[in-house]
Structures are given as structure tokens and as C-alpha cells.
Amino acid sequence: MSITATLIGQIITFAILVWFIGKYLWDPMTQMMDDRKKRIADGLAAAERGQHEQELAEQKAVEHIKEAKEQAAEILSQAQKRGAEIVEDAKDDAKEEGARLITAANAEIELESNRAKEVLREHVVNITLAAAGKIIKKEIDAKAHDVLLKDVVAQL
């Protein structure tokens, strides 16, 4: 065989090999590479979407925390106001109760004072009557009369 026939045989074999590789190996391999490229692109897009969603979720969480802190501060403020109102109400009630007790005590003091005055009047009347009876029983004598009056004054 000549070199030309061998060369032509090799060219034909090479052409059949190229055709075979192109038809049965190259197209499926290219398809497989395209599919892989698409999966990778989809994965990267999903990762970006996930990262974006995570950032949004973090922002929402920060907003919720901020709102919760504001609500807590508002509730605390309302509680402090209500506490101050309760204290003021208690002070007012205590002042009213104190005034009522003072009024009652003054009334009781006045009543006891009147009772004491009445008892004292009764004693003074009794002493005066006793002294007048003693003066009348004795003869009227200035010295004796003076001693009896001093005795009555001492008993008062």
C-alpha cells in the first residue's frame, strides 16, 4: 500500500471519528455543560434571592424590635402615670380621712369639754350651796365669813 492510500484511509477514519464524536459525544456533553451552567446560575440566583430575603427579614425584625421597645416604653410610661395617680389619690384620701378624724376628734373634745364644764358647774353649785348653808348656819361674822369664802375659793 502506498502512503496515499494509508493517508486517505486515515483521513476517512478521522472524519468518521469526528462525525461520531460530534453526533454521539459532543452534543450530549455540550447539553450536559449547558444544563450544569443553568443549574449553577439558578443556584446563584436563589442564593441572591435568599440573601435579599434574609436582609428583608432582618430589617423587619429590627422594625419589630423597635416597635416592641416603643410599646414597652409607652406601657411603662402609662404605668408610671397610673402609679402617680394612685399615689395622688391615696394622698387625697388620706388627707380627707385625716380631716374627718380631726373633725371627729374636735367634736369629741368639745363634747368632753362640755361634759367637764357641766360636771364642774354641778360641783361649783354644790360647793356654793354647801358654803351658803354653812354661812347661814353660823352667825354673820366678818372673820368667819371671810374664812368660809377663802375655803370655798380654795375648793374651786
Protein backbone atom coordinates (compact mmCIF):
# COMPACT_ATOMS: atom_id res chain seq x y z
CA MET A 1 0.00 0.00 0.00
CA SER A 2 1.02 3.31 -0.69
CA ILE A 3 1.26 6.24 1.59
CA THR A 4 -1.55 7.93 -0.21
CA ALA A 5 -3.97 5.06 0.37
CA THR A 6 -2.95 4.96 4.04
CA LEU A 7 -3.31 8.70 4.30
CA ILE A 8 -6.74 8.61 2.64
CA GLY A 9 -7.75 5.75 4.98
CA GLN A 10 -6.59 7.71 7.96
CA ILE A 11 -8.44 10.83 6.76
CA ILE A 12 -11.63 8.80 6.26
CA THR A 13 -11.20 7.17 9.67
CA PHE A 14 -10.51 10.57 11.22
CA ALA A 15 -13.61 12.03 9.53
CA ILE A 16 -15.76 9.13 10.79
CA LEU A 17 -14.29 9.63 14.27
CA VAL A 18 -15.03 13.38 14.17
CA TRP A 19 -18.57 12.71 12.93
CA PHE A 20 -19.10 10.01 15.60
CA ILE A 21 -17.72 12.20 18.39
CA GLY A 22 -19.79 15.20 17.16
CA LYS A 23 -23.01 13.21 16.91
CA TYR A 24 -22.83 10.92 19.93
CA LEU A 25 -20.42 12.58 22.37
CA TRP A 26 -20.11 16.32 21.68
CA ASP A 27 -23.82 17.21 21.64
CA PRO A 28 -24.68 15.35 24.87
CA MET A 29 -21.57 16.76 26.54
CA THR A 30 -22.46 20.29 25.41
CA GLN A 31 -26.03 19.76 26.60
CA MET A 32 -24.72 18.49 29.92
CA MET A 33 -22.44 21.55 30.25
CA ASP A 34 -25.34 23.90 29.41
CA ASP A 35 -27.54 22.18 31.98
CA ARG A 36 -24.81 22.47 34.59
CA LYS A 37 -24.29 26.15 33.72
CA LYS A 38 -28.04 26.71 34.10
CA ARG A 39 -28.15 24.91 37.47
CA ILE A 40 -25.22 26.96 38.72
CA ALA A 41 -26.87 30.19 37.52
CA ASP A 42 -30.16 29.16 39.17
CA GLY A 43 -28.31 28.32 42.39
CA LEU A 44 -26.55 31.70 42.40
CA ALA A 45 -29.84 33.49 41.71
CA ALA A 46 -31.51 31.54 44.52
CA ALA A 47 -28.64 32.41 46.84
CA GLU A 48 -29.02 36.09 45.95
CA ARG A 49 -32.77 35.91 46.50
CA GLY A 50 -32.18 34.15 49.81
CA GLN A 51 -29.68 36.77 50.87
CA HIS A 52 -32.09 39.55 49.86
CA GLU A 53 -34.92 37.84 51.76
CA GLN A 54 -32.66 37.44 54.76
CA GLU A 55 -31.84 41.17 54.68
CA LEU A 56 -35.56 41.98 54.45
CA ALA A 57 -36.29 39.62 57.34
CA GLU A 58 -33.53 41.24 59.42
CA GLN A 59 -34.96 44.69 58.64
CA LYS A 60 -38.43 43.52 59.64
CA ALA A 61 -37.02 42.00 62.82
CA VAL A 62 -35.29 45.29 63.66
CA GLU A 63 -38.55 47.15 63.00
CA HIS A 64 -40.49 44.72 65.18
CA ILE A 65 -37.93 45.09 67.96
CA LYS A 66 -38.11 48.87 67.65
CA GLU A 67 -41.92 48.79 67.77
CA ALA A 68 -41.81 46.45 70.76
CA LYS A 69 -39.40 48.78 72.58
CA GLU A 70 -41.65 51.75 71.81
CA GLN A 71 -44.69 49.86 73.06
CA ALA A 72 -42.80 48.79 76.18
CA ALA A 73 -41.74 52.40 76.81
CA GLU A 74 -45.33 53.56 76.31
CA ILE A 75 -46.67 50.88 78.65
CA LEU A 76 -44.03 51.78 81.22
CA SER A 77 -44.91 55.46 80.91
CA GLN A 78 -48.60 54.70 81.33
CA ALA A 79 -47.83 52.51 84.33
CA GLN A 80 -45.78 55.29 85.93
CA LYS A 81 -48.57 57.80 85.27
CA ARG A 82 -51.12 55.42 86.74
CA GLY A 83 -48.86 54.80 89.73
CA ALA A 84 -48.55 58.56 90.29
CA GLU A 85 -52.32 58.91 90.01
CA ILE A 86 -52.82 56.13 92.54
CA VAL A 87 -50.35 57.80 94.92
CA GLU A 88 -52.11 61.15 94.50
CA ASP A 89 -55.50 59.52 95.06
CA ALA A 90 -54.16 57.82 98.18
CA LYS A 91 -52.76 61.14 99.42
CA ASP A 92 -56.09 62.85 98.80
CA ASP A 93 -57.96 60.04 100.54
CA ALA A 94 -55.53 60.19 103.45
CA LYS A 95 -55.97 63.96 103.73
CA GLU A 96 -59.75 63.58 103.67
CA GLU A 97 -59.59 60.81 106.26
CA GLY A 98 -57.25 62.92 108.40
CA ALA A 99 -59.58 65.91 108.16
CA ARG A 100 -62.53 63.69 109.06
CA LEU A 101 -60.64 62.25 112.03
CA ILE A 102 -59.63 65.73 113.18
CA THR A 103 -63.22 66.93 112.89
CA ALA A 104 -64.44 63.89 114.82
CA ALA A 105 -61.73 64.38 117.46
CA ASN A 106 -62.58 68.08 117.79
CA ALA A 107 -66.24 67.22 118.16
CA GLU A 108 -65.39 64.62 120.81
CA ILE A 109 -63.11 67.12 122.59
CA GLU A 110 -65.90 69.70 122.52
CA LEU A 111 -68.35 67.15 123.87
CA GLU A 112 -65.97 66.08 126.65
CA SER A 113 -65.22 69.73 127.40
CA ASN A 114 -68.94 70.46 127.71
CA ARG A 115 -69.39 67.42 129.94
CA ALA A 116 -66.47 68.51 132.12
CA LYS A 117 -67.90 72.04 132.33
CA GLU A 118 -71.29 70.63 133.29
CA VAL A 119 -69.71 68.44 135.98
CA LEU A 120 -67.68 71.42 137.18
CA ARG A 121 -70.82 73.58 137.32
CA GLU A 122 -72.54 70.90 139.35
CA HIS A 123 -69.58 70.79 141.75
CA VAL A 124 -69.47 74.60 141.97
CA VAL A 125 -73.20 74.72 142.65
CA ASN A 126 -72.87 72.03 145.30
CA ILE A 127 -69.89 73.75 146.91
CA THR A 128 -71.64 77.12 146.70
CA LEU A 129 -74.78 75.70 148.25
CA ALA A 130 -72.73 73.99 150.93
CA ALA A 131 -70.83 77.19 151.61
CA ALA A 132 -74.06 79.21 151.66
CA GLY A 133 -75.59 76.70 154.04
CA LYS A 134 -72.58 76.95 156.35
CA ILE A 135 -72.68 80.74 156.21
CA ILE A 136 -76.35 80.79 157.01
CA LYS A 137 -75.94 78.32 159.90
CA LYS A 138 -73.33 80.46 161.55
CA GLU A 139 -73.97 83.88 162.71
CA ILE A 140 -72.84 86.52 160.43
CA ASP A 141 -69.33 87.31 161.40
CA ALA A 142 -66.92 89.00 159.03
CA LYS A 143 -63.96 86.93 160.14
CA ALA A 144 -65.86 83.65 159.92
CA HIS A 145 -67.48 84.75 156.67
CA ASP A 146 -64.08 85.62 155.20
CA VAL A 147 -62.61 82.26 156.26
CA LEU A 148 -65.54 80.38 154.68
CA LEU A 149 -65.22 82.30 151.40
CA LYS A 150 -61.49 81.58 151.29
CA ASP A 151 -62.32 77.90 151.90
CA VAL A 152 -64.85 77.95 149.00
CA VAL A 153 -62.33 79.63 146.69
CA ALA A 154 -59.70 77.06 147.65
CA GLN A 155 -62.13 74.24 146.78
CA LEU A 156 -62.77 75.76 143.33
